[in-house]
Amino acid sequence: IPPELNEAAAIDGANRAQRFRHITFPLLAGAMTVSVMLSMIGAL
């Protein structure tokens, strides 16, 4: 994740929870998809 995105959001007044919700979490969609698929297969 480019650090510039979080820095810009912090300058605009976003707190950590807001930055995680609107920047970090959406950009982790690819990693989350892979992890969910692998964990599901492992659990089965």
PDB file of all heavy atoms in Angstrom:
ATOM      1  N   ILE A   1       0.844  -1.189   0.000  1.00  0.00           N
ATOM      2  CA  ILE A   1       0.000   0.000   0.000  1.00  0.00           C
ATOM      3  C   ILE A   1       0.886   1.247   0.000  1.00  0.00           C
ATOM      4  O   ILE A   1       1.737   1.398   0.880  1.00  0.00           O
ATOM      5  CB  ILE A   1      -0.937   0.012   1.222  1.00  0.00           C
ATOM      6  CG1 ILE A   1      -1.868  -1.206   1.185  1.00  0.00           C
ATOM      7  CG2 ILE A   1      -1.749   1.300   1.272  1.00  0.00           C
ATOM      8  CD1 ILE A   1      -2.759  -1.330   2.404  1.00  0.00           C
ATOM      9  N   PRO A   2       0.729   2.149  -0.939  1.00  0.00           N
ATOM     10  CA  PRO A   2       1.557   3.367  -0.970  1.00  0.00           C
ATOM     11  C   PRO A   2       1.374   4.186   0.305  1.00  0.00           C
ATOM     12  O   PRO A   2       0.233   4.503   0.678  1.00  0.00           O
ATOM     13  CB  PRO A   2       1.026   4.127  -2.199  1.00  0.00           C
ATOM     14  CG  PRO A   2       0.379   3.084  -3.043  1.00  0.00           C
ATOM     15  CD  PRO A   2      -0.199   2.087  -2.082  1.00  0.00           C
ATOM     16  N   PRO A   3       2.448   4.535   1.000  1.00  0.00           N
ATOM     17  CA  PRO A   3       2.313   5.316   2.247  1.00  0.00           C
ATOM     18  C   PRO A   3       1.729   6.700   2.015  1.00  0.00           C
ATOM     19  O   PRO A   3       1.181   7.312   2.931  1.00  0.00           O
ATOM     20  CB  PRO A   3       3.754   5.386   2.765  1.00  0.00           C
ATOM     21  CG  PRO A   3       4.618   5.141   1.571  1.00  0.00           C
ATOM     22  CD  PRO A   3       3.851   4.226   0.687  1.00  0.00           C
ATOM     23  N   GLU A   4       1.816   7.202   0.778  1.00  0.00           N
ATOM     24  CA  GLU A   4       1.291   8.532   0.495  1.00  0.00           C
ATOM     25  C   GLU A   4      -0.216   8.612   0.732  1.00  0.00           C
ATOM     26  O   GLU A   4      -0.743   9.668   1.097  1.00  0.00           O
ATOM     27  CB  GLU A   4       1.589   8.926  -0.952  1.00  0.00           C
ATOM     28  CG  GLU A   4       3.073   9.092  -1.270  1.00  0.00           C
ATOM     29  CD  GLU A   4       3.742   7.760  -1.560  1.00  0.00           C
ATOM     30  OE1 GLU A   4       3.012   6.739  -1.617  1.00  0.00           O
ATOM     31  OE2 GLU A   4       4.981   7.728  -1.717  1.00  0.00           O
ATOM     32  N   LEU A   5      -0.920   7.496   0.534  1.00  0.00           N
ATOM     33  CA  LEU A   5      -2.369   7.511   0.729  1.00  0.00           C
ATOM     34  C   LEU A   5      -2.728   7.766   2.189  1.00  0.00           C
ATOM     35  O   LEU A   5      -3.596   8.590   2.493  1.00  0.00           O
ATOM     36  CB  LEU A   5      -2.965   6.180   0.261  1.00  0.00           C
ATOM     37  CG  LEU A   5      -2.830   5.858  -1.234  1.00  0.00           C
ATOM     38  CD1 LEU A   5      -3.407   4.484  -1.535  1.00  0.00           C
ATOM     39  CD2 LEU A   5      -3.525   6.920  -2.073  1.00  0.00           C
ATOM     40  N   ASN A   6      -2.056   7.051   3.097  1.00  0.00           N
ATOM     41  CA  ASN A   6      -2.317   7.248   4.523  1.00  0.00           C
ATOM     42  C   ASN A   6      -1.857   8.624   4.989  1.00  0.00           C
ATOM     43  O   ASN A   6      -2.493   9.249   5.847  1.00  0.00           O
ATOM     44  CB  ASN A   6      -1.621   6.151   5.334  1.00  0.00           C
ATOM     45  CG  ASN A   6      -2.374   4.834   5.291  1.00  0.00           C
ATOM     46  OD1 ASN A   6      -3.532   4.757   5.676  1.00  0.00           O
ATOM     47  ND2 ASN A   6      -1.723   3.790   4.819  1.00  0.00           N
ATOM     48  N   GLU A   7      -0.741   9.095   4.446  1.00  0.00           N
ATOM     49  CA  GLU A   7      -0.249  10.416   4.835  1.00  0.00           C
ATOM     50  C   GLU A   7      -1.220  11.507   4.402  1.00  0.00           C
ATOM     51  O   GLU A   7      -1.502  12.445   5.157  1.00  0.00           O
ATOM     52  CB  GLU A   7       1.122  10.645   4.209  1.00  0.00           C
ATOM     53  CG  GLU A   7       2.212   9.741   4.771  1.00  0.00           C
ATOM     54  CD  GLU A   7       3.526   9.871   4.013  1.00  0.00           C
ATOM     55  OE1 GLU A   7       3.567  10.672   3.047  1.00  0.00           O
ATOM     56  OE2 GLU A   7       4.499   9.188   4.381  1.00  0.00           O
ATOM     57  N   ALA A   8      -1.748  11.385   3.189  1.00  0.00           N
ATOM     58  CA  ALA A   8      -2.713  12.375   2.716  1.00  0.00           C
ATOM     59  C   ALA A   8      -3.990  12.348   3.540  1.00  0.00           C
ATOM     60  O   ALA A   8      -4.558  13.402   3.866  1.00  0.00           O
ATOM     61  CB  ALA A   8      -3.024  12.120   1.240  1.00  0.00           C
ATOM     62  N   ALA A   9      -4.448  11.131   3.895  1.00  0.00           N
ATOM     63  CA  ALA A   9      -5.657  11.016   4.709  1.00  0.00           C
ATOM     64  C   ALA A   9      -5.432  11.591   6.103  1.00  0.00           C
ATOM     65  O   ALA A   9      -6.330  12.227   6.674  1.00  0.00           O
ATOM     66  CB  ALA A   9      -6.078   9.549   4.803  1.00  0.00           C
ATOM     67  N   ALA A  10      -4.236  11.373   6.668  1.00  0.00           N
ATOM     68  CA  ALA A  10      -3.930  11.929   7.992  1.00  0.00           C
ATOM     69  C   ALA A  10      -3.919  13.449   7.954  1.00  0.00           C
ATOM     70  O   ALA A  10      -4.392  14.115   8.882  1.00  0.00           O
ATOM     71  CB  ALA A  10      -2.584  11.390   8.473  1.00  0.00           C
ATOM     72  N   ILE A  11      -3.376  14.019   6.881  1.00  0.00           N
ATOM     73  CA  ILE A  11      -3.374  15.479   6.741  1.00  0.00           C
ATOM     74  C   ILE A  11      -4.793  16.026   6.651  1.00  0.00           C
ATOM     75  O   ILE A  11      -5.109  17.099   7.186  1.00  0.00           O
ATOM     76  CB  ILE A  11      -2.554  15.882   5.492  1.00  0.00           C
ATOM     77  CG1 ILE A  11      -1.081  15.526   5.699  1.00  0.00           C
ATOM     78  CG2 ILE A  11      -2.712  17.371   5.196  1.00  0.00           C
ATOM     79  CD1 ILE A  11      -0.218  15.749   4.480  1.00  0.00           C
ATOM     80  N   ASP A  12      -5.682  15.256   6.010  1.00  0.00           N
ATOM     81  CA  ASP A  12      -7.077  15.683   5.890  1.00  0.00           C
ATOM     82  C   ASP A  12      -7.869  15.480   7.177  1.00  0.00           C
ATOM     83  O   ASP A  12      -9.062  15.811   7.224  1.00  0.00           O
ATOM     84  CB  ASP A  12      -7.763  14.915   4.759  1.00  0.00           C
ATOM     85  CG  ASP A  12      -7.231  15.341   3.393  1.00  0.00           C
ATOM     86  OD1 ASP A  12      -6.694  16.457   3.305  1.00  0.00           O
ATOM     87  OD2 ASP A  12      -7.338  14.542   2.438  1.00  0.00           O
ATOM     88  N   GLY A  13      -7.235  14.920   8.204  1.00  0.00           N
ATOM     89  CA  GLY A  13      -7.895  14.782   9.495  1.00  0.00           C
ATOM     90  C   GLY A  13      -8.454  13.410   9.795  1.00  0.00           C
ATOM     91  O   GLY A  13      -9.144  13.226  10.809  1.00  0.00           O
ATOM     92  N   ALA A  14      -8.191  12.387   8.966  1.00  0.00           N
ATOM     93  CA  ALA A  14      -8.698  11.033   9.222  1.00  0.00           C
ATOM     94  C   ALA A  14      -7.899  10.361  10.334  1.00  0.00           C
ATOM     95  O   ALA A  14      -6.665  10.434  10.350  1.00  0.00           O
ATOM     96  CB  ALA A  14      -8.615  10.194   7.948  1.00  0.00           C
ATOM     97  N   ASN A  15      -8.600   9.747  11.280  1.00  0.00           N
ATOM     98  CA  ASN A  15      -7.901   9.024  12.340  1.00  0.00           C
ATOM     99  C   ASN A  15      -7.505   7.638  11.857  1.00  0.00           C
ATOM    100  O   ASN A  15      -7.772   7.255  10.717  1.00  0.00           O
ATOM    101  CB  ASN A  15      -8.766   8.944  13.602  1.00  0.00           C
ATOM    102  CG  ASN A  15     -10.122   8.312  13.336  1.00  0.00           C
ATOM    103  OD1 ASN A  15     -10.249   7.402  12.516  1.00  0.00           O
ATOM    104  ND2 ASN A  15     -11.156   8.799  14.017  1.00  0.00           N
ATOM    105  N   ARG A  16      -6.876   6.842  12.745  1.00  0.00           N
ATOM    106  CA  ARG A  16      -6.374   5.522  12.343  1.00  0.00           C
ATOM    107  C   ARG A  16      -7.506   4.594  11.921  1.00  0.00           C
ATOM    108  O   ARG A  16      -7.375   3.854  10.947  1.00  0.00           O
ATOM    109  CB  ARG A  16      -5.579   4.900  13.492  1.00  0.00           C
ATOM    110  CG  ARG A  16      -4.218   5.534  13.726  1.00  0.00           C
ATOM    111  CD  ARG A  16      -3.414   4.709  14.690  1.00  0.00           C
ATOM    112  NE  ARG A  16      -2.063   5.232  14.838  1.00  0.00           N
ATOM    113  CZ  ARG A  16      -1.113   4.650  15.584  1.00  0.00           C
ATOM    114  NH1 ARG A  16      -1.388   3.519  16.249  1.00  0.00           N
ATOM    115  NH2 ARG A  16       0.095   5.182  15.664  1.00  0.00           N
ATOM    116  N   ALA A  17      -8.605   4.625  12.655  1.00  0.00           N
ATOM    117  CA  ALA A  17      -9.725   3.742  12.318  1.00  0.00           C
ATOM    118  C   ALA A  17     -10.300   4.093  10.950  1.00  0.00           C
ATOM    119  O   ALA A  17     -10.623   3.207  10.145  1.00  0.00           O
ATOM    120  CB  ALA A  17     -10.806   3.842  13.388  1.00  0.00           C
ATOM    121  N   GLN A  18     -10.410   5.370  10.676  1.00  0.00           N
ATOM    122  CA  GLN A  18     -10.941   5.796   9.376  1.00  0.00           C
ATOM    123  C   GLN A  18      -9.987   5.444   8.235  1.00  0.00           C
ATOM    124  O   GLN A  18     -10.423   5.037   7.162  1.00  0.00           O
ATOM    125  CB  GLN A  18     -11.217   7.306   9.412  1.00  0.00           C
ATOM    126  CG  GLN A  18     -12.380   7.693  10.311  1.00  0.00           C
ATOM    127  CD  GLN A  18     -12.508   9.195  10.471  1.00  0.00           C
ATOM    128  OE1 GLN A  18     -11.511   9.936  10.405  1.00  0.00           O
ATOM    129  NE2 GLN A  18     -13.737   9.669  10.703  1.00  0.00           N
ATOM    130  N   ARG A  19      -8.686   5.605   8.495  1.00  0.00           N
ATOM    131  CA  ARG A  19      -7.715   5.263   7.444  1.00  0.00           C
ATOM    132  C   ARG A  19      -7.728   3.765   7.169  1.00  0.00           C
ATOM    133  O   ARG A  19      -7.616   3.323   6.022  1.00  0.00           O
ATOM    134  CB  ARG A  19      -6.308   5.707   7.861  1.00  0.00           C
ATOM    135  CG  ARG A  19      -6.142   7.206   7.969  1.00  0.00           C
ATOM    136  CD  ARG A  19      -4.678   7.615   7.926  1.00  0.00           C
ATOM    137  NE  ARG A  19      -3.905   7.033   9.012  1.00  0.00           N
ATOM    138  CZ  ARG A  19      -3.726   7.624  10.191  1.00  0.00           C
ATOM    139  NH1 ARG A  19      -4.287   8.811  10.431  1.00  0.00           N
ATOM    140  NH2 ARG A  19      -2.995   7.053  11.123  1.00  0.00           N
ATOM    141  N   PHE A  20      -7.889   2.976   8.229  1.00  0.00           N
ATOM    142  CA  PHE A  20      -7.942   1.522   8.026  1.00  0.00           C
ATOM    143  C   PHE A  20      -9.198   1.128   7.264  1.00  0.00           C
ATOM    144  O   PHE A  20      -9.148   0.298   6.354  1.00  0.00           O
ATOM    145  CB  PHE A  20      -7.902   0.802   9.369  1.00  0.00           C
ATOM    146  CG  PHE A  20      -8.043  -0.689   9.257  1.00  0.00           C
ATOM    147  CD1 PHE A  20      -6.953  -1.476   8.912  1.00  0.00           C
ATOM    148  CD2 PHE A  20      -9.268  -1.309   9.477  1.00  0.00           C
ATOM    149  CE1 PHE A  20      -7.080  -2.853   8.785  1.00  0.00           C
ATOM    150  CE2 PHE A  20      -9.402  -2.687   9.357  1.00  0.00           C
ATOM    151  CZ  PHE A  20      -8.300  -3.449   9.009  1.00  0.00           C
ATOM    152  N   ARG A  21     -10.324   1.735   7.609  1.00  0.00           N
ATOM    153  CA  ARG A  21     -11.600   1.363   6.992  1.00  0.00           C
ATOM    154  C   ARG A  21     -11.669   1.755   5.531  1.00  0.00           C
ATOM    155  O   ARG A  21     -12.154   0.981   4.688  1.00  0.00           O
ATOM    156  CB  ARG A  21     -12.747   2.004   7.768  1.00  0.00           C
ATOM    157  CG  ARG A  21     -14.120   1.720   7.170  1.00  0.00           C
ATOM    158  CD  ARG A  21     -15.206   2.430   7.961  1.00  0.00           C
ATOM    159  NE  ARG A  21     -16.516   2.220   7.343  1.00  0.00           N
ATOM    160  CZ  ARG A  21     -17.647   2.783   7.779  1.00  0.00           C
ATOM    161  NH1 ARG A  21     -17.616   3.589   8.837  1.00  0.00           N
ATOM    162  NH2 ARG A  21     -18.788   2.546   7.165  1.00  0.00           N
ATOM    163  N   HIS A  22     -11.181   2.939   5.194  1.00  0.00           N
ATOM    164  CA  HIS A  22     -11.383   3.471   3.848  1.00  0.00           C
ATOM    165  C   HIS A  22     -10.172   3.311   2.929  1.00  0.00           C
ATOM    166  O   HIS A  22     -10.303   3.485   1.713  1.00  0.00           O
ATOM    167  CB  HIS A  22     -11.755   4.956   3.932  1.00  0.00           C
ATOM    168  CG  HIS A  22     -13.053   5.215   4.638  1.00  0.00           C
ATOM    169  ND1 HIS A  22     -14.279   4.908   4.098  1.00  0.00           N
ATOM    170  CD2 HIS A  22     -13.302   5.719   5.882  1.00  0.00           C
ATOM    171  CE1 HIS A  22     -15.246   5.232   4.955  1.00  0.00           C
ATOM    172  NE2 HIS A  22     -14.684   5.731   6.040  1.00  0.00           N
ATOM    173  N   ILE A  23      -9.006   2.981   3.494  1.00  0.00           N
ATOM    174  CA  ILE A  23      -7.806   2.848   2.659  1.00  0.00           C
ATOM    175  C   ILE A  23      -7.206   1.448   2.776  1.00  0.00           C
ATOM    176  O   ILE A  23      -7.112   0.715   1.787  1.00  0.00           O
ATOM    177  CB  ILE A  23      -6.750   3.918   3.038  1.00  0.00           C
ATOM    178  CG1 ILE A  23      -7.304   5.318   2.778  1.00  0.00           C
ATOM    179  CG2 ILE A  23      -5.471   3.698   2.235  1.00  0.00           C
ATOM    180  CD1 ILE A  23      -6.368   6.424   3.211  1.00  0.00           C
ATOM    181  N   THR A  24      -6.803   1.078   3.994  1.00  0.00           N
ATOM    182  CA  THR A  24      -6.084  -0.190   4.176  1.00  0.00           C
ATOM    183  C   THR A  24      -6.953  -1.396   3.855  1.00  0.00           C
ATOM    184  O   THR A  24      -6.549  -2.273   3.082  1.00  0.00           O
ATOM    185  CB  THR A  24      -5.569  -0.287   5.622  1.00  0.00           C
ATOM    186  OG1 THR A  24      -4.765   0.860   5.918  1.00  0.00           O
ATOM    187  CG2 THR A  24      -4.745  -1.548   5.804  1.00  0.00           C
ATOM    188  N   PHE A  25      -8.128  -1.442   4.443  1.00  0.00           N
ATOM    189  CA  PHE A  25      -8.981  -2.625   4.270  1.00  0.00           C
ATOM    190  C   PHE A  25      -9.380  -2.861   2.813  1.00  0.00           C
ATOM    191  O   PHE A  25      -9.279  -3.990   2.325  1.00  0.00           O
ATOM    192  CB  PHE A  25     -10.225  -2.500   5.160  1.00  0.00           C
ATOM    193  CG  PHE A  25     -11.045  -3.743   5.216  1.00  0.00           C
ATOM    194  CD1 PHE A  25     -10.637  -4.831   5.976  1.00  0.00           C
ATOM    195  CD2 PHE A  25     -12.231  -3.856   4.504  1.00  0.00           C
ATOM    196  CE1 PHE A  25     -11.384  -6.001   6.030  1.00  0.00           C
ATOM    197  CE2 PHE A  25     -12.988  -5.014   4.544  1.00  0.00           C
ATOM    198  CZ  PHE A  25     -12.556  -6.081   5.312  1.00  0.00           C
ATOM    199  N   PRO A  26      -9.823  -1.839   2.063  1.00  0.00           N
ATOM    200  CA  PRO A  26     -10.158  -2.096   0.647  1.00  0.00           C
ATOM    201  C   PRO A  26      -8.958  -2.546  -0.183  1.00  0.00           C
ATOM    202  O   PRO A  26      -9.105  -3.385  -1.084  1.00  0.00           O
ATOM    203  CB  PRO A  26     -10.683  -0.735   0.162  1.00  0.00           C
ATOM    204  CG  PRO A  26     -11.149  -0.043   1.388  1.00  0.00           C
ATOM    205  CD  PRO A  26     -10.207  -0.469   2.470  1.00  0.00           C
ATOM    206  N   LEU A  27      -7.764  -2.010   0.105  1.00  0.00           N
ATOM    207  CA  LEU A  27      -6.591  -2.374  -0.676  1.00  0.00           C
ATOM    208  C   LEU A  27      -6.040  -3.747  -0.303  1.00  0.00           C
ATOM    209  O   LEU A  27      -5.149  -4.260  -0.972  1.00  0.00           O
ATOM    210  CB  LEU A  27      -5.503  -1.311  -0.504  1.00  0.00           C
ATOM    211  CG  LEU A  27      -5.834   0.062  -1.118  1.00  0.00           C
ATOM    212  CD1 LEU A  27      -4.718   1.056  -0.846  1.00  0.00           C
ATOM    213  CD2 LEU A  27      -6.075  -0.069  -2.620  1.00  0.00           C
ATOM    214  N   LEU A  28      -6.559  -4.323   0.776  1.00  0.00           N
ATOM    215  CA  LEU A  28      -6.159  -5.676   1.173  1.00  0.00           C
ATOM    216  C   LEU A  28      -7.122  -6.733   0.631  1.00  0.00           C
ATOM    217  O   LEU A  28      -7.034  -7.897   1.026  1.00  0.00           O
ATOM    218  CB  LEU A  28      -6.108  -5.794   2.704  1.00  0.00           C
ATOM    219  CG  LEU A  28      -4.904  -5.171   3.411  1.00  0.00           C
ATOM    220  CD1 LEU A  28      -5.057  -5.314   4.914  1.00  0.00           C
ATOM    221  CD2 LEU A  28      -3.602  -5.825   2.958  1.00  0.00           C
ATOM    222  N   ALA A  29      -8.014  -6.335  -0.273  1.00  0.00           N
ATOM    223  CA  ALA A  29      -9.018  -7.276  -0.782  1.00  0.00           C
ATOM    224  C   ALA A  29      -8.373  -8.474  -1.467  1.00  0.00           C
ATOM    225  O   ALA A  29      -8.814  -9.614  -1.298  1.00  0.00           O
ATOM    226  CB  ALA A  29      -9.961  -6.558  -1.744  1.00  0.00           C
ATOM    227  N   GLY A  30      -7.310  -8.239  -2.235  1.00  0.00           N
ATOM    228  CA  GLY A  30      -6.648  -9.343  -2.921  1.00  0.00           C
ATOM    229  C   GLY A  30      -6.018 -10.326  -1.951  1.00  0.00           C
ATOM    230  O   GLY A  30      -6.179 -11.549  -2.072  1.00  0.00           O
ATOM    231  N   ALA A  31      -5.299  -9.800  -0.949  1.00  0.00           N
ATOM    232  CA  ALA A  31      -4.681 -10.669   0.060  1.00  0.00           C
ATOM    233  C   ALA A  31      -5.736 -11.410   0.862  1.00  0.00           C
ATOM    234  O   ALA A  31      -5.562 -12.589   1.206  1.00  0.00           O
ATOM    235  CB  ALA A  31      -3.792  -9.833   0.985  1.00  0.00           C
ATOM    236  N   MET A  32      -6.840 -10.741   1.151  1.00  0.00           N
ATOM    237  CA  MET A  32      -7.902 -11.374   1.926  1.00  0.00           C
ATOM    238  C   MET A  32      -8.554 -12.505   1.136  1.00  0.00           C
ATOM    239  O   MET A  32      -8.887 -13.564   1.695  1.00  0.00           O
ATOM    240  CB  MET A  32      -8.944 -10.331   2.330  1.00  0.00           C
ATOM    241  CG  MET A  32     -10.045 -10.868   3.222  1.00  0.00           C
ATOM    242  SD  MET A  32     -11.101  -9.559   3.872  1.00  0.00           S
ATOM    243  CE  MET A  32      -9.926  -8.658   4.881  1.00  0.00           C
ATOM    244  N   THR A  33      -8.757 -12.303  -0.155  1.00  0.00           N
ATOM    245  CA  THR A  33      -9.353 -13.342  -0.994  1.00  0.00           C
ATOM    246  C   THR A  33      -8.496 -14.599  -1.000  1.00  0.00           C
ATOM    247  O   THR A  33      -8.999 -15.720  -0.830  1.00  0.00           O
ATOM    248  CB  THR A  33      -9.537 -12.828  -2.431  1.00  0.00           C
ATOM    249  OG1 THR A  33     -10.374 -11.680  -2.421  1.00  0.00           O
ATOM    250  CG2 THR A  33     -10.162 -13.900  -3.303  1.00  0.00           C
ATOM    251  N   VAL A  34      -7.182 -14.421  -1.170  1.00  0.00           N
ATOM    252  CA  VAL A  34      -6.268 -15.561  -1.174  1.00  0.00           C
ATOM    253  C   VAL A  34      -6.273 -16.258   0.182  1.00  0.00           C
ATOM    254  O   VAL A  34      -6.348 -17.495   0.268  1.00  0.00           O
ATOM    255  CB  VAL A  34      -4.847 -15.100  -1.542  1.00  0.00           C
ATOM    256  CG1 VAL A  34      -3.859 -16.246  -1.387  1.00  0.00           C
ATOM    257  CG2 VAL A  34      -4.806 -14.555  -2.957  1.00  0.00           C
ATOM    258  N   SER A  35      -6.225 -15.494   1.259  1.00  0.00           N
ATOM    259  CA  SER A  35      -6.181 -16.078   2.598  1.00  0.00           C
ATOM    260  C   SER A  35      -7.461 -16.835   2.927  1.00  0.00           C
ATOM    261  O   SER A  35      -7.416 -17.920   3.523  1.00  0.00           O
ATOM    262  CB  SER A  35      -5.943 -14.975   3.637  1.00  0.00           C
ATOM    263  OG  SER A  35      -4.693 -14.361   3.453  1.00  0.00           O
ATOM    264  N   VAL A  36      -8.595 -16.269   2.542  1.00  0.00           N
ATOM    265  CA  VAL A  36      -9.872 -16.935   2.821  1.00  0.00           C
ATOM    266  C   VAL A  36      -9.972 -18.256   2.063  1.00  0.00           C
ATOM    267  O   VAL A  36     -10.388 -19.280   2.621  1.00  0.00           O
ATOM    268  CB  VAL A  36     -11.045 -16.002   2.457  1.00  0.00           C
ATOM    269  CG1 VAL A  36     -12.359 -16.772   2.460  1.00  0.00           C
ATOM    270  CG2 VAL A  36     -11.129 -14.849   3.439  1.00  0.00           C
ATOM    271  N   MET A  37      -9.558 -18.256   0.803  1.00  0.00           N
ATOM    272  CA  MET A  37      -9.614 -19.488   0.017  1.00  0.00           C
ATOM    273  C   MET A  37      -8.696 -20.557   0.594  1.00  0.00           C
ATOM    274  O   MET A  37      -9.086 -21.715   0.749  1.00  0.00           O
ATOM    275  CB  MET A  37      -9.245 -19.192  -1.432  1.00  0.00           C
ATOM    276  CG  MET A  37     -10.260 -18.358  -2.191  1.00  0.00           C
ATOM    277  SD  MET A  37      -9.885 -18.158  -3.943  1.00  0.00           S
ATOM    278  CE  MET A  37     -10.069 -19.841  -4.530  1.00  0.00           C
ATOM    279  N   LEU A  38      -7.469 -20.169   0.949  1.00  0.00           N
ATOM    280  CA  LEU A  38      -6.520 -21.139   1.496  1.00  0.00           C
ATOM    281  C   LEU A  38      -6.964 -21.654   2.862  1.00  0.00           C
ATOM    282  O   LEU A  38      -6.849 -22.853   3.154  1.00  0.00           O
ATOM    283  CB  LEU A  38      -5.132 -20.508   1.594  1.00  0.00           C
ATOM    284  CG  LEU A  38      -4.442 -20.183   0.270  1.00  0.00           C
ATOM    285  CD1 LEU A  38      -3.104 -19.493   0.516  1.00  0.00           C
ATOM    286  CD2 LEU A  38      -4.226 -21.447  -0.551  1.00  0.00           C
ATOM    287  N   SER A  39      -7.474 -20.775   3.695  1.00  0.00           N
ATOM    288  CA  SER A  39      -7.922 -21.211   5.027  1.00  0.00           C
ATOM    289  C   SER A  39      -9.144 -22.112   4.926  1.00  0.00           C
ATOM    290  O   SER A  39      -9.291 -23.065   5.709  1.00  0.00           O
ATOM    291  CB  SER A  39      -8.206 -20.000   5.913  1.00  0.00           C
ATOM    292  OG  SER A  39      -9.203 -19.179   5.347  1.00  0.00           O
ATOM    293  N   MET A  40     -10.020 -21.852   3.971  1.00  0.00           N
ATOM    294  CA  MET A  40     -11.190 -22.709   3.782  1.00  0.00           C
ATOM    295  C   MET A  40     -10.775 -24.110   3.332  1.00  0.00           C
ATOM    296  O   MET A  40     -11.256 -25.121   3.862  1.00  0.00           O
ATOM    297  CB  MET A  40     -12.138 -22.089   2.751  1.00  0.00           C
ATOM    298  CG  MET A  40     -13.332 -22.954   2.392  1.00  0.00           C
ATOM    299  SD  MET A  40     -14.441 -23.251   3.777  1.00  0.00           S
ATOM    300  CE  MET A  40     -15.215 -21.624   3.919  1.00  0.00           C
ATOM    301  N   ILE A  41      -9.864 -24.169   2.379  1.00  0.00           N
ATOM    302  CA  ILE A  41      -9.384 -25.473   1.913  1.00  0.00           C
ATOM    303  C   ILE A  41      -8.691 -26.226   3.041  1.00  0.00           C
ATOM    304  O   ILE A  41      -8.894 -27.432   3.232  1.00  0.00           O
ATOM    305  CB  ILE A  41      -8.436 -25.292   0.715  1.00  0.00           C
ATOM    306  CG1 ILE A  41      -9.202 -24.726  -0.487  1.00  0.00           C
ATOM    307  CG2 ILE A  41      -7.772 -26.612   0.333  1.00  0.00           C
ATOM    308  CD1 ILE A  41      -8.323 -24.342  -1.655  1.00  0.00           C
ATOM    309  N   GLY A  42      -7.850 -25.515   3.814  1.00  0.00           N
ATOM    310  CA  GLY A  42      -7.165 -26.153   4.937  1.00  0.00           C
ATOM    311  C   GLY A  42      -8.129 -26.652   5.991  1.00  0.00           C
ATOM    312  O   GLY A  42      -7.927 -27.723   6.576  1.00  0.00           O
ATOM    313  N   ALA A  43      -9.193 -25.892   6.254  1.00  0.00           N
ATOM    314  CA  ALA A  43     -10.167 -26.297   7.271  1.00  0.00           C
ATOM    315  C   ALA A  43     -10.953 -27.530   6.836  1.00  0.00           C
ATOM    316  O   ALA A  43     -11.266 -28.398   7.650  1.00  0.00           O
ATOM    317  CB  ALA A  43     -11.116 -25.134   7.558  1.00  0.00           C
ATOM    318  N   LEU A  44     -11.272 -27.613   5.544  1.00  0.00           N
ATOM    319  CA  LEU A  44     -12.052 -28.754   5.063  1.00  0.00           C
ATOM    320  C   LEU A  44     -11.269 -30.058   5.106  1.00  0.00           C
ATOM    321  O   LEU A  44     -11.863 -31.136   5.184  1.00  0.00           O
ATOM    322  CB  LEU A  44     -12.536 -28.484   3.637  1.00  0.00           C
ATOM    323  CG  LEU A  44     -13.634 -27.428   3.487  1.00  0.00           C
ATOM    324  CD1 LEU A  44     -13.882 -27.115   2.017  1.00  0.00           C
ATOM    325  CD2 LEU A  44     -14.930 -27.905   4.140  1.00  0.00           C
TER     326      LEU A  44
END
